[in-house]
N, C-alpha and C. Protein backbone atom coordinates (compact mmCIF):
# COMPACT_ATOMS: atom_id res chain seq x y z
N MET A 1 62.68 120.38 117.48
CA MET A 1 63.55 119.42 118.13
C MET A 1 63.77 118.18 117.28
N LYS A 2 62.78 117.79 116.52
CA LYS A 2 62.88 116.57 115.73
C LYS A 2 64.03 116.61 114.72
N PRO A 3 64.27 117.74 114.00
CA PRO A 3 65.39 117.76 113.05
C PRO A 3 66.73 117.46 113.71
N ASN A 4 66.96 117.94 114.94
CA ASN A 4 68.22 117.65 115.62
C ASN A 4 68.36 116.17 115.91
N LYS A 5 67.27 115.54 116.36
CA LYS A 5 67.32 114.11 116.65
C LYS A 5 67.59 113.33 115.37
N ASP A 6 66.89 113.68 114.28
CA ASP A 6 67.14 113.02 113.00
C ASP A 6 68.58 113.20 112.58
N SER A 7 69.10 114.39 112.75
CA SER A 7 70.47 114.67 112.37
C SER A 7 71.45 113.81 113.17
N ARG A 8 71.20 113.67 114.45
CA ARG A 8 72.07 112.84 115.30
C ARG A 8 72.00 111.38 114.90
N THR A 9 70.80 110.91 114.59
CA THR A 9 70.63 109.51 114.19
C THR A 9 71.33 109.26 112.87
N LYS A 10 71.15 110.17 111.93
CA LYS A 10 71.82 110.02 110.64
C LYS A 10 73.34 110.05 110.82
N SER A 11 73.82 110.93 111.67
CA SER A 11 75.26 111.00 111.94
C SER A 11 75.78 109.70 112.55
N ALA A 12 75.00 109.15 113.47
CA ALA A 12 75.40 107.88 114.09
C ALA A 12 75.43 106.76 113.06
N LEU A 13 74.41 106.70 112.21
CA LEU A 13 74.40 105.68 111.15
C LEU A 13 75.58 105.85 110.20
N GLU A 14 75.85 107.07 109.84
CA GLU A 14 76.98 107.34 108.95
C GLU A 14 78.29 106.92 109.60
N SER A 15 78.46 107.23 110.87
CA SER A 15 79.69 106.86 111.59
C SER A 15 79.85 105.35 111.68
N ILE A 16 78.76 104.67 112.00
CA ILE A 16 78.83 103.20 112.10
C ILE A 16 79.17 102.60 110.74
N LEU A 17 78.51 103.07 109.69
CA LEU A 17 78.81 102.56 108.36
C LEU A 17 80.25 102.85 107.96
N ASP A 18 80.75 104.01 108.33
CA ASP A 18 82.13 104.38 108.02
C ASP A 18 83.12 103.44 108.71
N VAL A 19 82.89 103.15 109.97
CA VAL A 19 83.80 102.27 110.72
C VAL A 19 83.76 100.85 110.16
N VAL A 20 82.56 100.34 109.91
CA VAL A 20 82.42 98.98 109.38
C VAL A 20 83.05 98.88 107.99
N THR A 21 82.81 99.89 107.16
CA THR A 21 83.40 99.90 105.82
C THR A 21 84.93 99.98 105.91
N GLY A 22 85.45 100.82 106.79
CA GLY A 22 86.89 100.93 106.96
C GLY A 22 87.52 99.63 107.40
N PHE A 23 86.91 98.98 108.38
CA PHE A 23 87.43 97.70 108.87
C PHE A 23 87.45 96.67 107.75
N THR A 24 86.33 96.57 107.03
CA THR A 24 86.22 95.60 105.94
C THR A 24 87.19 95.92 104.80
N LEU A 25 87.37 97.17 104.52
CA LEU A 25 88.26 97.59 103.44
C LEU A 25 89.73 97.37 103.78
N TYR A 26 90.10 97.64 105.02
CA TYR A 26 91.51 97.57 105.39
C TYR A 26 92.03 96.16 105.63
N LEU A 27 91.17 95.19 105.83
CA LEU A 27 91.66 93.82 105.97
C LEU A 27 92.42 93.36 104.73
N PRO A 28 91.82 93.42 103.54
CA PRO A 28 92.60 93.01 102.36
C PRO A 28 93.73 93.98 102.01
N ILE A 29 93.55 95.27 102.33
CA ILE A 29 94.61 96.23 102.06
C ILE A 29 95.84 95.90 102.90
N ASN A 30 95.63 95.56 104.16
CA ASN A 30 96.76 95.13 105.00
C ASN A 30 97.47 93.93 104.41
N TYR A 31 96.70 93.00 103.90
CA TYR A 31 97.27 91.77 103.35
C TYR A 31 98.17 92.06 102.15
N PHE A 32 97.80 93.03 101.32
CA PHE A 32 98.57 93.31 100.12
C PHE A 32 99.61 94.42 100.29
N VAL A 33 99.35 95.41 101.12
CA VAL A 33 100.24 96.56 101.24
C VAL A 33 101.40 96.29 102.20
N LEU A 34 101.11 95.78 103.37
CA LEU A 34 102.16 95.63 104.38
C LEU A 34 103.31 94.72 103.95
N PRO A 35 103.06 93.60 103.24
CA PRO A 35 104.20 92.80 102.79
C PRO A 35 105.17 93.54 101.86
N LEU A 36 104.69 94.56 101.19
CA LEU A 36 105.56 95.34 100.31
C LEU A 36 106.59 96.16 101.10
N PHE A 37 106.32 96.37 102.37
CA PHE A 37 107.16 97.23 103.19
C PHE A 37 107.87 96.49 104.32
N VAL A 38 107.98 95.18 104.22
CA VAL A 38 108.56 94.38 105.32
C VAL A 38 109.97 94.84 105.66
N ASP A 39 110.81 95.01 104.67
CA ASP A 39 112.20 95.41 104.96
C ASP A 39 112.26 96.77 105.65
N GLY A 40 111.48 97.72 105.16
CA GLY A 40 111.48 99.05 105.77
C GLY A 40 110.92 99.04 107.18
N ILE A 41 109.93 98.19 107.43
CA ILE A 41 109.37 98.08 108.77
C ILE A 41 110.41 97.49 109.73
N GLU A 42 111.12 96.46 109.28
CA GLU A 42 112.16 95.85 110.11
C GLU A 42 113.27 96.84 110.43
N GLU A 43 113.58 97.73 109.49
CA GLU A 43 114.65 98.71 109.69
C GLU A 43 114.16 99.97 110.40
N HIS A 44 112.87 100.04 110.73
CA HIS A 44 112.27 101.23 111.36
C HIS A 44 112.53 102.49 110.53
N SER A 45 112.38 102.34 109.22
CA SER A 45 112.64 103.43 108.28
C SER A 45 111.53 104.49 108.36
N ILE A 46 111.95 105.73 108.51
CA ILE A 46 111.00 106.85 108.53
C ILE A 46 110.30 106.97 107.17
N ALA A 47 111.03 106.76 106.09
CA ALA A 47 110.44 106.85 104.75
C ALA A 47 109.35 105.78 104.57
N THR A 48 109.59 104.60 105.09
CA THR A 48 108.59 103.53 105.00
C THR A 48 107.35 103.89 105.80
N MET A 49 107.55 104.38 107.01
CA MET A 49 106.41 104.76 107.84
C MET A 49 105.61 105.87 107.16
N PHE A 50 106.30 106.81 106.56
CA PHE A 50 105.64 107.91 105.86
C PHE A 50 104.86 107.39 104.65
N SER A 51 105.46 106.48 103.90
CA SER A 51 104.80 105.90 102.72
C SER A 51 103.53 105.15 103.10
N ILE A 52 103.61 104.32 104.12
CA ILE A 52 102.45 103.57 104.58
C ILE A 52 101.36 104.53 105.06
N SER A 53 101.76 105.56 105.79
CA SER A 53 100.79 106.55 106.29
C SER A 53 100.10 107.28 105.14
N ILE A 54 100.84 107.62 104.11
CA ILE A 54 100.25 108.29 102.93
C ILE A 54 99.23 107.38 102.26
N ILE A 55 99.55 106.11 102.11
CA ILE A 55 98.63 105.16 101.47
C ILE A 55 97.33 105.06 102.27
N TYR A 56 97.46 104.82 103.57
CA TYR A 56 96.27 104.65 104.40
C TYR A 56 95.45 105.94 104.52
N THR A 57 96.11 107.05 104.63
CA THR A 57 95.40 108.33 104.72
C THR A 57 94.66 108.64 103.42
N SER A 58 95.28 108.38 102.29
CA SER A 58 94.63 108.61 101.00
C SER A 58 93.39 107.75 100.85
N ILE A 59 93.50 106.49 101.21
CA ILE A 59 92.35 105.59 101.13
C ILE A 59 91.24 106.06 102.07
N ALA A 60 91.61 106.47 103.28
CA ALA A 60 90.61 106.94 104.25
C ALA A 60 89.90 108.20 103.76
N LEU A 61 90.63 109.13 103.16
CA LEU A 61 90.01 110.35 102.64
C LEU A 61 89.01 110.04 101.54
N VAL A 62 89.38 109.17 100.63
CA VAL A 62 88.48 108.79 99.54
C VAL A 62 87.25 108.08 100.10
N ARG A 63 87.48 107.14 101.04
CA ARG A 63 86.37 106.40 101.65
C ARG A 63 85.39 107.36 102.34
N LYS A 64 85.91 108.27 103.14
CA LYS A 64 85.05 109.21 103.87
C LYS A 64 84.32 110.14 102.91
N PHE A 65 84.98 110.60 101.87
CA PHE A 65 84.35 111.48 100.90
C PHE A 65 83.20 110.75 100.20
N VAL A 66 83.44 109.52 99.74
CA VAL A 66 82.41 108.76 99.03
C VAL A 66 81.22 108.47 99.94
N LEU A 67 81.48 108.04 101.16
CA LEU A 67 80.38 107.75 102.09
C LEU A 67 79.59 109.01 102.42
N ARG A 68 80.28 110.11 102.62
CA ARG A 68 79.59 111.36 102.94
C ARG A 68 78.70 111.80 101.79
N ARG A 69 79.23 111.75 100.57
CA ARG A 69 78.44 112.14 99.39
C ARG A 69 77.25 111.20 99.22
N TRP A 70 77.44 109.92 99.51
CA TRP A 70 76.35 108.96 99.38
C TRP A 70 75.25 109.28 100.39
N PHE A 71 75.62 109.58 101.63
CA PHE A 71 74.63 109.92 102.64
C PHE A 71 73.89 111.20 102.28
N VAL A 72 74.56 112.17 101.74
CA VAL A 72 73.92 113.44 101.36
C VAL A 72 72.96 113.22 100.19
N SER A 73 73.30 112.34 99.28
CA SER A 73 72.47 112.14 98.09
C SER A 73 71.30 111.19 98.32
N LYS A 74 71.22 110.56 99.49
CA LYS A 74 70.14 109.60 99.77
C LYS A 74 69.27 110.06 100.94
N PRO A 75 68.70 111.24 100.89
CA PRO A 75 67.90 111.70 102.04
C PRO A 75 66.62 110.89 102.24
N ARG A 76 66.05 110.36 101.17
CA ARG A 76 64.80 109.61 101.28
C ARG A 76 64.98 108.32 102.07
N ILE A 77 66.09 107.66 101.90
CA ILE A 77 66.34 106.39 102.58
C ILE A 77 66.41 106.60 104.09
N PHE A 78 67.05 107.68 104.52
CA PHE A 78 67.28 107.90 105.94
C PHE A 78 66.27 108.86 106.57
N SER A 79 65.28 109.30 105.82
CA SER A 79 64.32 110.24 106.38
C SER A 79 63.39 109.57 107.41
N LYS A 80 63.23 108.26 107.34
CA LYS A 80 62.37 107.54 108.28
C LYS A 80 63.08 107.21 109.58
N VAL A 81 64.40 107.35 109.59
CA VAL A 81 65.19 107.00 110.78
C VAL A 81 65.14 108.11 111.79
């Protein structure tokens, strides 16, 4: 039973770190990316919405991949949790 509990705790820690990292990362990204698309946003352009979605999705995929690999490579740090 203990491995399942450890697994759930590690998953919860990973999820919390992912959300906090995403929030912290996207604040400056919003500041720099969204002004580039002001005209397209005002015009409700589908191409603009698609472009913004591609940017944010790409960043999210890289962020999640890096965090996941980091958690997998650091079992000693989280083994006490």
